Protein backbone atom coordinates (compact mmCIF):
# COMPACT_ATOMS: atom_id res chain seq x y z
CA UNK A 1 -99.02 54.21 -92.26
CA UNK A 2 -101.12 56.59 -90.25
CA UNK A 3 -102.67 59.39 -92.31
CA UNK A 4 -101.10 62.82 -92.72
CA UNK A 5 -103.88 64.16 -90.50
CA UNK A 6 -102.81 62.03 -87.52
CA UNK A 7 -99.14 62.87 -88.06
CA UNK A 8 -99.89 66.58 -88.27
CA UNK A 9 -102.13 66.56 -85.21
CA UNK A 10 -99.49 64.73 -83.17
CA UNK A 11 -96.94 67.43 -84.09
CA UNK A 12 -99.44 70.14 -83.17
CA UNK A 13 -100.11 68.53 -79.78
CA UNK A 14 -96.40 68.17 -79.06
CA UNK A 15 -95.83 71.83 -80.00
CA UNK A 16 -98.21 72.91 -77.26
CA UNK A 17 -95.55 71.73 -74.76
CA UNK A 18 -93.16 74.48 -75.79
CA UNK A 19 -92.87 78.04 -74.55
CA UNK A 20 -95.02 80.63 -76.25
CA UNK A 21 -91.82 82.62 -76.83
CA UNK A 22 -90.69 80.20 -79.57
CA UNK A 23 -94.10 79.30 -81.00
CA UNK A 24 -94.95 81.05 -84.27
CA UNK A 25 -96.66 80.24 -87.55
CA UNK A 26 -93.27 79.09 -88.90
CA UNK A 27 -92.84 76.79 -85.86
CA UNK A 28 -96.24 75.13 -86.52
CA UNK A 29 -95.79 74.76 -90.27
CA UNK A 30 -92.29 73.30 -89.96
CA UNK A 31 -93.27 70.93 -87.15
CA UNK A 32 -96.24 69.61 -89.10
CA UNK A 33 -94.14 69.26 -92.25
CA UNK A 34 -91.49 67.35 -90.29
CA UNK A 35 -94.20 64.98 -89.12
CA UNK A 36 -95.22 64.27 -92.73
CA UNK A 37 -91.86 64.26 -94.57
CA UNK A 38 -90.97 60.62 -93.82
CA UNK A 39 -93.74 59.49 -96.17
CA UNK A 40 -92.04 61.24 -99.09
CA UNK A 41 -90.31 57.88 -99.45
CA UNK A 42 -93.36 56.59 -101.34
CA UNK A 43 -91.83 58.31 -104.38
CA UNK A 44 -89.50 55.31 -104.41
CA UNK A 45 -92.34 53.15 -105.72
CA UNK A 46 -92.19 55.16 -108.99
CA UNK A 47 -88.48 54.30 -109.27
CA UNK A 48 -88.96 50.59 -108.57
CA UNK A 49 -87.40 50.82 -105.10
CA UNK A 50 -88.74 47.84 -103.19
CA UNK A 51 -90.76 48.51 -100.05
CA UNK A 52 -88.33 46.55 -97.88
CA UNK A 53 -85.18 48.29 -99.21
CA UNK A 54 -83.16 50.79 -97.18
CA UNK A 55 -84.65 53.66 -99.23
CA UNK A 56 -88.06 51.95 -99.48
CA UNK A 57 -91.25 52.94 -97.72
CA UNK A 58 -90.82 53.04 -93.94
CA UNK A 59 -87.07 52.62 -94.38
CA UNK A 60 -84.37 55.19 -93.59
CA UNK A 61 -86.74 58.17 -93.73
CA UNK A 62 -88.62 56.66 -90.77
CA UNK A 63 -85.49 56.08 -88.69
CA UNK A 64 -84.44 57.87 -85.53
CA UNK A 65 -81.20 59.05 -87.17
CA UNK A 66 -83.19 60.61 -90.03
CA UNK A 67 -85.42 62.34 -87.46
CA UNK A 68 -82.41 63.84 -85.69
CA UNK A 69 -80.75 64.92 -88.96
CA UNK A 70 -83.97 66.54 -90.18
CA UNK A 71 -84.46 68.28 -86.83
CA UNK A 72 -80.97 69.75 -87.03
CA UNK A 73 -81.34 70.68 -90.71
CA UNK A 74 -84.70 72.42 -90.27
CA UNK A 75 -83.41 74.37 -87.28
CA UNK A 76 -80.21 75.32 -89.13
CA UNK A 77 -82.03 76.48 -92.28
CA UNK A 78 -84.96 78.29 -90.67
CA UNK A 79 -83.56 79.36 -87.28
CA UNK A 80 -79.80 79.58 -87.91
CA UNK A 81 -79.33 82.62 -85.63
CA UNK A 82 -80.73 80.63 -82.70
CA UNK A 83 -79.02 77.32 -83.48
CA UNK A 84 -76.34 77.51 -80.79
CA UNK A 85 -78.56 78.90 -78.06
CA UNK A 86 -81.03 77.24 -75.72
CA UNK A 87 -83.88 78.06 -78.11
CA UNK A 88 -82.06 76.25 -80.93
CA UNK A 89 -81.78 73.12 -78.81
CA UNK A 90 -85.51 73.25 -78.06
CA UNK A 91 -86.28 73.66 -81.75
CA UNK A 92 -84.04 70.73 -82.70
CA UNK A 93 -85.80 68.62 -80.07
CA UNK A 94 -89.24 69.64 -81.33
CA UNK A 95 -88.53 69.02 -85.02
CA UNK A 96 -86.74 65.75 -84.23
CA UNK A 97 -89.59 64.42 -82.11
CA UNK A 98 -92.18 65.52 -84.69
CA UNK A 99 -90.30 63.49 -87.31
CA UNK A 100 -89.73 60.50 -85.00
CA UNK A 101 -93.40 60.44 -84.01
CA UNK A 102 -94.15 59.57 -87.61
CA UNK A 103 -92.43 56.22 -87.23
CA UNK A 104 -93.96 55.68 -83.80
CA UNK A 105 -97.49 56.13 -85.15
CA UNK A 106 -96.75 53.96 -88.19
CA UNK A 107 -95.41 51.21 -85.91
CA UNK A 108 -98.85 51.17 -84.27
CA UNK A 109 -100.71 50.50 -87.53
CA UNK A 110 -102.22 47.23 -88.72
CA UNK A 111 -100.34 46.98 -92.00
CA UNK A 112 -97.08 47.27 -93.85
CA UNK A 113 -93.68 45.73 -93.18
CA UNK A 114 -92.74 47.64 -90.05
CA UNK A 115 -90.45 50.60 -89.38
CA UNK A 116 -86.66 50.70 -89.81
CA UNK A 117 -86.17 52.67 -86.58
CA UNK A 118 -82.46 51.90 -86.37
CA UNK A 119 -81.41 52.42 -90.00
CA UNK A 120 -78.69 52.85 -91.22
CA UNK A 121 -77.23 50.59 -88.52
CA UNK A 122 -79.97 47.96 -88.73
CA UNK A 123 -82.46 47.80 -91.59
CA UNK A 124 -84.77 45.42 -89.69
CA UNK A 125 -88.39 46.53 -89.59
CA UNK A 126 -90.28 46.75 -86.32
CA UNK A 127 -93.87 47.09 -85.19
CA UNK A 128 -95.07 47.69 -81.66
CA UNK A 129 -96.82 44.73 -80.03
CA UNK A 130 -99.97 46.86 -79.73
CA UNK A 131 -101.22 48.01 -83.15
CA UNK A 132 -104.66 49.64 -82.82
CA UNK A 133 -104.44 52.17 -85.69
CA UNK A 134 -105.96 51.06 -89.00
CA UNK A 135 -103.30 51.40 -91.70
CA UNK A 136 -103.98 54.20 -94.17
CA UNK A 137 -104.08 53.37 -97.88
CA UNK A 138 -101.36 54.81 -100.10
CA UNK A 139 -102.90 57.22 -102.56
CA UNK A 140 -105.65 59.81 -102.27
CA UNK A 141 -108.18 57.92 -104.39
CA UNK A 142 -108.10 54.91 -102.06
CA UNK A 143 -108.31 57.18 -99.02
CA UNK A 144 -111.73 58.47 -100.09
CA UNK A 145 -113.45 55.14 -99.49
CA UNK A 146 -114.79 53.05 -96.60
CA UNK A 147 -111.17 52.15 -95.82
CA UNK A 148 -110.36 55.86 -95.39
CA UNK A 149 -113.34 56.34 -93.09
CA UNK A 150 -112.16 53.41 -90.95
CA UNK A 151 -108.68 54.99 -90.80
CA UNK A 152 -110.05 58.35 -89.67
CA UNK A 153 -112.27 56.77 -87.00
CA UNK A 154 -109.34 54.71 -85.74
CA UNK A 155 -107.11 57.78 -85.62
CA UNK A 156 -109.80 59.75 -83.83
CA UNK A 157 -109.82 57.15 -81.06
CA UNK A 158 -106.10 56.38 -80.85
CA UNK A 159 -104.44 59.68 -81.83
CA UNK A 160 -106.78 62.69 -81.78
CA UNK A 161 -108.53 62.04 -78.46
CA UNK A 162 -105.34 61.21 -76.50
CA UNK A 163 -103.48 64.12 -78.14
CA UNK A 164 -106.37 66.46 -77.30
CA UNK A 165 -106.28 65.34 -73.68
CA UNK A 166 -102.53 65.99 -73.72
CA UNK A 167 -103.13 69.51 -75.09
CA UNK A 168 -105.68 70.29 -72.36
CA UNK A 169 -103.35 69.01 -69.63
CA UNK A 170 -100.41 71.03 -70.98
CA UNK A 171 -102.55 74.16 -71.24
CA UNK A 172 -103.82 73.65 -67.68
CA UNK A 173 -100.27 73.22 -66.35
CA UNK A 174 -99.06 76.31 -68.24
CA UNK A 175 -101.99 78.35 -66.93
CA UNK A 176 -101.44 77.12 -63.36
CA UNK A 177 -97.72 77.99 -63.52
CA UNK A 178 -98.41 81.47 -64.89
CA UNK A 179 -100.86 82.20 -62.06
CA UNK A 180 -98.42 81.25 -59.31
């Protein structure tokens, strides 16, 4: 998996695409949480749920259907008055993509069994052919090691720098549009 830092930064970068009229502290916190929630499935290890099972790590909680359901749920719970308006649709899209990006980043890592993108319809696990991100260790104690440093350097190159460029481009486009 990519680290929570990469997932959170990807959600932050994506959020910059949206109108300032819907951006708030709640928007940022929920988007970043959505980007991290799929890894809550590691709790399954404590209950002897096998990694490759439907409920296992990188299983259903990393699927596109889960992303959509979470996007709808978060919007319904935290923005229910806006749910059936244009703003609600934008929020569903944002929270869904934040959640789906989790699986996308994990599919670009060097370890694990792949991502069940199409669960519950297909529990097969997939990786992308190009996997430049060093897989993050599971557990905080292992993260604070040379392995963790390699993960952070890898994510700096393959997530933070491209996402930062994206942020600058989006900000430039927004500024240009507002001046015309």
